[in-house]
Amino acid sequence: MGLIVREVGLLGSKNRYKKLRALFDTGATRNYISEEFLDKDTIDDIGIVNFHGKDFVTFPDGVEKWGSIISLKLLKIDNKYPIVNPEFFLLDMKMYDIIIGAKLMQQMRMILNPSIKEISFE
């Protein structure tokens, strides 16, 4: 499993660009974003572009949680790789602002090298 922590940039419906702490996790199947960020700003401060309904997630410990699927305007990785209208599962997280899952990493053709904490693109 690949795990790398990196700062990413995010733009929401309020056109406020915010840098957030992201975990790139090859064991996560989808992307997650916290309702409240580590600096105490919230998702409402950035602005949600669209709600796509509710769904649930089952964590490795068997706990299931319901949450909203949302999209934002833009996600930037390394301040240069833009992802337009990224979707996230909205929930309350304590250690990271965002978790980037395997599906998005595959779509973006990302390569993680955890031993040197590097992300590259094919």
C-alpha atoms as a PDB file:
ATOM      1  CA  MET A   1       0.000   0.000   0.000  1.00  0.00           C
ATOM      2  CA  GLY A   2       1.321   3.417  -0.947  1.00  0.00           C
ATOM      3  CA  LEU A   3       0.954   6.311   1.452  1.00  0.00           C
ATOM      4  CA  ILE A   4       2.331   9.782   0.852  1.00  0.00           C
ATOM      5  CA  VAL A   5       1.304  13.062   2.501  1.00  0.00           C
ATOM      6  CA  ARG A   6       1.429  16.154   0.323  1.00  0.00           C
ATOM      7  CA  GLU A   7      -0.033  19.648   0.237  1.00  0.00           C
ATOM      8  CA  VAL A   8      -2.616  20.143  -2.530  1.00  0.00           C
ATOM      9  CA  GLY A   9      -4.644  23.123  -3.680  1.00  0.00           C
ATOM     10  CA  LEU A  10      -8.422  23.183  -3.851  1.00  0.00           C
ATOM     11  CA  LEU A  11     -10.901  25.620  -5.397  1.00  0.00           C
ATOM     12  CA  GLY A  12     -14.600  25.620  -4.569  1.00  0.00           C
ATOM     13  CA  SER A  13     -17.708  27.470  -5.690  1.00  0.00           C
ATOM     14  CA  LYS A  14     -16.699  30.608  -3.757  1.00  0.00           C
ATOM     15  CA  ASN A  15     -13.513  30.911  -5.859  1.00  0.00           C
ATOM     16  CA  ARG A  16     -11.373  30.677  -2.748  1.00  0.00           C
ATOM     17  CA  TYR A  17      -8.156  28.747  -3.380  1.00  0.00           C
ATOM     18  CA  LYS A  18      -7.015  26.833  -0.316  1.00  0.00           C
ATOM     19  CA  LYS A  19      -3.990  24.667   0.378  1.00  0.00           C
ATOM     20  CA  LEU A  20      -4.802  21.494   2.292  1.00  0.00           C
ATOM     21  CA  ARG A  21      -2.991  18.467   3.709  1.00  0.00           C
ATOM     22  CA  ALA A  22      -3.708  15.384   1.596  1.00  0.00           C
ATOM     23  CA  LEU A  23      -2.960  11.716   2.079  1.00  0.00           C
ATOM     24  CA  PHE A  24      -2.405   9.781  -1.163  1.00  0.00           C
ATOM     25  CA  ASP A  25      -3.641   6.323  -0.218  1.00  0.00           C
ATOM     26  CA  THR A  26      -3.602   3.443  -2.723  1.00  0.00           C
ATOM     27  CA  GLY A  27      -5.765   1.436  -0.320  1.00  0.00           C
ATOM     28  CA  ALA A  28      -8.646   3.935  -0.517  1.00  0.00           C
ATOM     29  CA  THR A  29     -11.099   3.326  -3.332  1.00  0.00           C
ATOM     30  CA  ARG A  30     -12.501   6.863  -3.449  1.00  0.00           C
ATOM     31  CA  ASN A  31     -11.563  10.421  -2.489  1.00  0.00           C
ATOM     32  CA  TYR A  32     -12.542  11.885   0.874  1.00  0.00           C
ATOM     33  CA  ILE A  33     -12.669  15.440   2.167  1.00  0.00           C
ATOM     34  CA  SER A  34     -13.218  16.594   5.716  1.00  0.00           C
ATOM     35  CA  GLU A  35     -16.129  18.812   6.721  1.00  0.00           C
ATOM     36  CA  GLU A  36     -13.727  20.798   8.929  1.00  0.00           C
ATOM     37  CA  PHE A  37     -10.078  21.232   7.985  1.00  0.00           C
ATOM     38  CA  LEU A  38      -7.087  21.009  10.287  1.00  0.00           C
ATOM     39  CA  ASP A  39      -6.865  24.824  10.415  1.00  0.00           C
ATOM     40  CA  LYS A  40     -10.566  24.959  11.497  1.00  0.00           C
ATOM     41  CA  ASP A  41     -11.861  26.373   8.184  1.00  0.00           C
ATOM     42  CA  THR A  42     -14.741  24.330   6.786  1.00  0.00           C
ATOM     43  CA  ILE A  43     -15.885  22.996   3.432  1.00  0.00           C
ATOM     44  CA  ASP A  44     -18.539  25.736   3.463  1.00  0.00           C
ATOM     45  CA  ASP A  45     -15.759  28.364   3.477  1.00  0.00           C
ATOM     46  CA  ILE A  46     -14.569  27.018   0.107  1.00  0.00           C
ATOM     47  CA  GLY A  47     -18.004  26.241  -1.316  1.00  0.00           C
ATOM     48  CA  ILE A  48     -19.407  23.004  -2.685  1.00  0.00           C
ATOM     49  CA  VAL A  49     -20.145  23.038  -6.426  1.00  0.00           C
ATOM     50  CA  ASN A  50     -22.567  20.072  -6.556  1.00  0.00           C
ATOM     51  CA  PHE A  51     -24.150  17.481  -4.292  1.00  0.00           C
ATOM     52  CA  HIS A  52     -24.431  14.061  -5.951  1.00  0.00           C
ATOM     53  CA  GLY A  53     -26.493  12.300  -3.300  1.00  0.00           C
ATOM     54  CA  LYS A  54     -25.655  10.185  -0.280  1.00  0.00           C
ATOM     55  CA  ASP A  55     -23.735   6.943   0.020  1.00  0.00           C
ATOM     56  CA  PHE A  56     -22.035   4.941   2.735  1.00  0.00           C
ATOM     57  CA  VAL A  57     -18.476   3.825   3.220  1.00  0.00           C
ATOM     58  CA  THR A  58     -17.274   0.767   5.124  1.00  0.00           C
ATOM     59  CA  PHE A  59     -13.986   1.286   6.932  1.00  0.00           C
ATOM     60  CA  PRO A  60     -11.422  -1.501   7.458  1.00  0.00           C
ATOM     61  CA  ASP A  61     -12.651  -1.940  11.056  1.00  0.00           C
ATOM     62  CA  GLY A  62     -16.175  -2.690   9.728  1.00  0.00           C
ATOM     63  CA  VAL A  63     -17.719   0.641  10.755  1.00  0.00           C
ATOM     64  CA  GLU A  64     -20.136   2.053   8.172  1.00  0.00           C
ATOM     65  CA  LYS A  65     -20.765   5.787   7.811  1.00  0.00           C
ATOM     66  CA  TRP A  66     -23.202   7.670   5.621  1.00  0.00           C
ATOM     67  CA  GLY A  67     -22.097  10.835   3.886  1.00  0.00           C
ATOM     68  CA  SER A  68     -22.630  13.119   0.912  1.00  0.00           C
ATOM     69  CA  ILE A  69     -20.876  12.848  -2.420  1.00  0.00           C
ATOM     70  CA  ILE A  70     -19.820  16.329  -3.513  1.00  0.00           C
ATOM     71  CA  SER A  71     -17.775  17.969  -6.237  1.00  0.00           C
ATOM     72  CA  LEU A  72     -15.609  21.067  -6.187  1.00  0.00           C
ATOM     73  CA  LYS A  73     -14.192  23.210  -9.000  1.00  0.00           C
ATOM     74  CA  LEU A  74     -10.543  22.227  -9.044  1.00  0.00           C
ATOM     75  CA  LEU A  75      -7.899  20.126  -7.309  1.00  0.00           C
ATOM     76  CA  LYS A  76      -4.223  20.867  -8.009  1.00  0.00           C
ATOM     77  CA  ILE A  77      -1.401  18.472  -7.224  1.00  0.00           C
ATOM     78  CA  ASP A  78       2.135  19.878  -7.011  1.00  0.00           C
ATOM     79  CA  ASN A  79       0.607  23.208  -8.087  1.00  0.00           C
ATOM     80  CA  LYS A  80       0.539  22.048 -11.709  1.00  0.00           C
ATOM     81  CA  TYR A  81      -1.652  18.982 -12.280  1.00  0.00           C
ATOM     82  CA  PRO A  82      -5.245  20.289 -12.390  1.00  0.00           C
ATOM     83  CA  ILE A  83      -8.194  17.969 -11.854  1.00  0.00           C
ATOM     84  CA  VAL A  84     -11.462  19.641 -12.853  1.00  0.00           C
ATOM     85  CA  ASN A  85     -14.659  18.865 -10.890  1.00  0.00           C
ATOM     86  CA  PRO A  86     -13.137  16.318  -8.510  1.00  0.00           C
ATOM     87  CA  GLU A  87     -15.623  14.266  -6.496  1.00  0.00           C
ATOM     88  CA  PHE A  88     -15.232  13.593  -2.788  1.00  0.00           C
ATOM     89  CA  PHE A  89     -17.029  11.683  -0.068  1.00  0.00           C
ATOM     90  CA  LEU A  90     -17.650  14.283   2.650  1.00  0.00           C
ATOM     91  CA  LEU A  91     -16.968  13.197   6.230  1.00  0.00           C
ATOM     92  CA  ASP A  92     -15.380  14.220   9.480  1.00  0.00           C
ATOM     93  CA  MET A  93     -11.658  13.391   9.523  1.00  0.00           C
ATOM     94  CA  LYS A  94      -9.082  14.354  12.127  1.00  0.00           C
ATOM     95  CA  MET A  95      -5.655  13.598  10.619  1.00  0.00           C
ATOM     96  CA  TYR A  96      -5.961  14.833   7.019  1.00  0.00           C
ATOM     97  CA  ASP A  97      -8.008  17.374   5.111  1.00  0.00           C
ATOM     98  CA  ILE A  98      -8.223  15.165   2.008  1.00  0.00           C
ATOM     99  CA  ILE A  99      -7.583  11.541   1.103  1.00  0.00           C
ATOM    100  CA  ILE A 100      -6.849  10.883  -2.558  1.00  0.00           C
ATOM    101  CA  GLY A 101      -7.862   7.344  -3.485  1.00  0.00           C
ATOM    102  CA  ALA A 102      -6.620   4.791  -5.992  1.00  0.00           C
ATOM    103  CA  LYS A 103      -9.257   5.453  -8.658  1.00  0.00           C
ATOM    104  CA  LEU A 104      -8.210   9.098  -9.137  1.00  0.00           C
ATOM    105  CA  MET A 105      -4.531   8.152  -8.979  1.00  0.00           C
ATOM    106  CA  GLN A 106      -5.074   5.587 -11.754  1.00  0.00           C
ATOM    107  CA  GLN A 107      -7.039   8.073 -13.888  1.00  0.00           C
ATOM    108  CA  MET A 108      -4.242  10.624 -13.505  1.00  0.00           C
ATOM    109  CA  ARG A 109      -1.599   7.923 -14.123  1.00  0.00           C
ATOM    110  CA  MET A 110       0.152   8.775 -10.853  1.00  0.00           C
ATOM    111  CA  ILE A 111       3.057   6.737  -9.592  1.00  0.00           C
ATOM    112  CA  LEU A 112       3.772   6.772  -5.849  1.00  0.00           C
ATOM    113  CA  ASN A 113       7.228   6.039  -4.502  1.00  0.00           C
ATOM    114  CA  PRO A 114       6.706   5.927  -0.712  1.00  0.00           C
ATOM    115  CA  SER A 115      10.351   5.163   0.053  1.00  0.00           C
ATOM    116  CA  ILE A 116      11.382   8.621  -1.160  1.00  0.00           C
ATOM    117  CA  LYS A 117       7.926  10.228  -0.656  1.00  0.00           C
ATOM    118  CA  GLU A 118       7.609  11.166  -4.317  1.00  0.00           C
ATOM    119  CA  ILE A 119       4.671  11.378  -6.688  1.00  0.00           C
ATOM    120  CA  SER A 120       5.231  11.307 -10.432  1.00  0.00           C
ATOM    121  CA  PHE A 121       3.031  11.072 -13.498  1.00  0.00           C
ATOM    122  CA  GLU A 122       3.425   8.814 -16.531  1.00  0.00           C
END
